[in-house]
Amino acid sequence: MSIIIFLIIGLIAGFIARAVVPGTQSMGIVPTLILGVVGSLLAGAVGSLINGGDFFAINPAGIIGSIIGAIVVLLIYIAVRRRTAA
């Protein structure tokens, strides 16, 4: 059950990240889900390094961190895609 919740939070974080970052991102639901999950993992890793907490804890700070992590991952993705296209 926690995996399903993790995927739902990742999907929501991916959608919010795509809405916040300006420009058009041609992604479907699966890449958006992957974006959110990777952002969640990034935020969880940083959070556990900072305060030594549980890596997979679901709390409001973790959800906000997931959104911020997804935004960071999306910005990196856009920068790499722009660099390889040029």
C-alpha atoms as a PDB file:
ATOM      1  CA  MET A   1       0.000   0.000   0.000  1.00  0.00           C
ATOM      2  CA  SER A   2       2.845   2.409   0.734  1.00  0.00           C
ATOM      3  CA  ILE A   3       4.201   1.934  -2.803  1.00  0.00           C
ATOM      4  CA  ILE A   4       0.872   3.077  -4.247  1.00  0.00           C
ATOM      5  CA  ILE A   5       0.875   6.135  -1.980  1.00  0.00           C
ATOM      6  CA  PHE A   6       4.492   6.834  -2.996  1.00  0.00           C
ATOM      7  CA  LEU A   7       3.529   6.684  -6.683  1.00  0.00           C
ATOM      8  CA  ILE A   8       0.492   8.936  -6.167  1.00  0.00           C
ATOM      9  CA  ILE A   9       2.588  11.520  -4.312  1.00  0.00           C
ATOM     10  CA  GLY A  10       5.217  11.290  -7.054  1.00  0.00           C
ATOM     11  CA  LEU A  11       2.593  11.844  -9.739  1.00  0.00           C
ATOM     12  CA  ILE A  12       1.164  14.859  -7.918  1.00  0.00           C
ATOM     13  CA  ALA A  13       4.657  16.292  -7.347  1.00  0.00           C
ATOM     14  CA  GLY A  14       5.462  15.818 -11.044  1.00  0.00           C
ATOM     15  CA  PHE A  15       2.281  17.581 -12.139  1.00  0.00           C
ATOM     16  CA  ILE A  16       2.894  20.487  -9.773  1.00  0.00           C
ATOM     17  CA  ALA A  17       6.520  20.770 -10.919  1.00  0.00           C
ATOM     18  CA  ARG A  18       5.398  20.891 -14.550  1.00  0.00           C
ATOM     19  CA  ALA A  19       2.836  23.568 -13.689  1.00  0.00           C
ATOM     20  CA  VAL A  20       5.361  25.719 -11.802  1.00  0.00           C
ATOM     21  CA  VAL A  21       8.250  25.598 -14.285  1.00  0.00           C
ATOM     22  CA  PRO A  22       7.624  27.965 -17.208  1.00  0.00           C
ATOM     23  CA  GLY A  23       7.582  26.674 -20.754  1.00  0.00           C
ATOM     24  CA  THR A  24       6.087  23.613 -22.328  1.00  0.00           C
ATOM     25  CA  GLN A  25       7.257  20.180 -21.350  1.00  0.00           C
ATOM     26  CA  SER A  26       6.104  17.525 -23.768  1.00  0.00           C
ATOM     27  CA  MET A  27       5.670  14.731 -21.242  1.00  0.00           C
ATOM     28  CA  GLY A  28       2.953  12.200 -20.793  1.00  0.00           C
ATOM     29  CA  ILE A  29       1.705  10.710 -17.560  1.00  0.00           C
ATOM     30  CA  VAL A  30       4.468   8.101 -17.230  1.00  0.00           C
ATOM     31  CA  PRO A  31       7.383  10.574 -17.608  1.00  0.00           C
ATOM     32  CA  THR A  32       5.586  12.910 -15.197  1.00  0.00           C
ATOM     33  CA  LEU A  33       5.291  10.047 -12.720  1.00  0.00           C
ATOM     34  CA  ILE A  34       8.980   9.232 -13.132  1.00  0.00           C
ATOM     35  CA  LEU A  35       9.831  12.922 -12.666  1.00  0.00           C
ATOM     36  CA  GLY A  36       7.881  13.047  -9.414  1.00  0.00           C
ATOM     37  CA  VAL A  37       9.301   9.779  -8.093  1.00  0.00           C
ATOM     38  CA  VAL A  38      12.887  10.836  -8.857  1.00  0.00           C
ATOM     39  CA  GLY A  39      12.180  14.210  -7.218  1.00  0.00           C
ATOM     40  CA  SER A  40      10.781  12.399  -4.184  1.00  0.00           C
ATOM     41  CA  LEU A  41      13.846  10.192  -3.933  1.00  0.00           C
ATOM     42  CA  LEU A  42      16.120  13.227  -4.264  1.00  0.00           C
ATOM     43  CA  ALA A  43      14.229  15.101  -1.560  1.00  0.00           C
ATOM     44  CA  GLY A  44      14.168  12.042   0.695  1.00  0.00           C
ATOM     45  CA  ALA A  45      17.912  11.549   0.323  1.00  0.00           C
ATOM     46  CA  VAL A  46      18.656  15.199   1.090  1.00  0.00           C
ATOM     47  CA  GLY A  47      16.204  15.210   3.996  1.00  0.00           C
ATOM     48  CA  SER A  48      17.667  12.092   5.557  1.00  0.00           C
ATOM     49  CA  LEU A  49      21.180  13.511   5.193  1.00  0.00           C
ATOM     50  CA  ILE A  50      20.182  16.743   6.902  1.00  0.00           C
ATOM     51  CA  ASN A  51      18.236  15.425   9.862  1.00  0.00           C
ATOM     52  CA  GLY A  52      18.944  11.699   9.842  1.00  0.00           C
ATOM     53  CA  GLY A  53      15.246  10.847   9.622  1.00  0.00           C
ATOM     54  CA  ASP A  54      13.457   8.028   7.870  1.00  0.00           C
ATOM     55  CA  PHE A  55      14.125   8.044   4.120  1.00  0.00           C
ATOM     56  CA  PHE A  56      10.597   6.915   3.198  1.00  0.00           C
ATOM     57  CA  ALA A  57       8.594   8.865   5.806  1.00  0.00           C
ATOM     58  CA  ILE A  58       5.386  10.402   4.475  1.00  0.00           C
ATOM     59  CA  ASN A  59       4.690  13.758   6.089  1.00  0.00           C
ATOM     60  CA  PRO A  60       3.855  17.305   4.935  1.00  0.00           C
ATOM     61  CA  ALA A  61       7.515  18.320   4.839  1.00  0.00           C
ATOM     62  CA  GLY A  62       8.278  15.281   2.705  1.00  0.00           C
ATOM     63  CA  ILE A  63       5.524  16.155   0.247  1.00  0.00           C
ATOM     64  CA  ILE A  64       6.770  19.728  -0.079  1.00  0.00           C
ATOM     65  CA  GLY A  65      10.297  18.375  -0.457  1.00  0.00           C
ATOM     66  CA  SER A  66       9.054  16.030  -3.189  1.00  0.00           C
ATOM     67  CA  ILE A  67       7.636  18.957  -5.118  1.00  0.00           C
ATOM     68  CA  ILE A  68      10.867  20.942  -4.740  1.00  0.00           C
ATOM     69  CA  GLY A  69      12.907  17.891  -5.738  1.00  0.00           C
ATOM     70  CA  ALA A  70      10.729  17.361  -8.820  1.00  0.00           C
ATOM     71  CA  ILE A  71      11.196  21.016  -9.793  1.00  0.00           C
ATOM     72  CA  VAL A  72      14.970  20.647  -9.495  1.00  0.00           C
ATOM     73  CA  VAL A  73      14.957  17.440 -11.543  1.00  0.00           C
ATOM     74  CA  LEU A  74      12.749  19.072 -14.204  1.00  0.00           C
ATOM     75  CA  LEU A  75      15.055  22.098 -14.457  1.00  0.00           C
ATOM     76  CA  ILE A  76      18.058  19.793 -14.854  1.00  0.00           C
ATOM     77  CA  TYR A  77      16.173  17.788 -17.494  1.00  0.00           C
ATOM     78  CA  ILE A  78      15.306  20.960 -19.442  1.00  0.00           C
ATOM     79  CA  ALA A  79      18.907  22.214 -19.268  1.00  0.00           C
ATOM     80  CA  VAL A  80      20.327  18.893 -20.484  1.00  0.00           C
ATOM     81  CA  ARG A  81      17.736  18.595 -23.251  1.00  0.00           C
ATOM     82  CA  ARG A  82      18.433  22.158 -24.402  1.00  0.00           C
ATOM     83  CA  ARG A  83      22.187  21.537 -24.380  1.00  0.00           C
ATOM     84  CA  THR A  84      21.988  18.330 -26.419  1.00  0.00           C
ATOM     85  CA  ALA A  85      19.561  19.889 -28.928  1.00  0.00           C
ATOM     86  CA  ALA A  86      21.922  22.760 -29.716  1.00  0.00           C
END
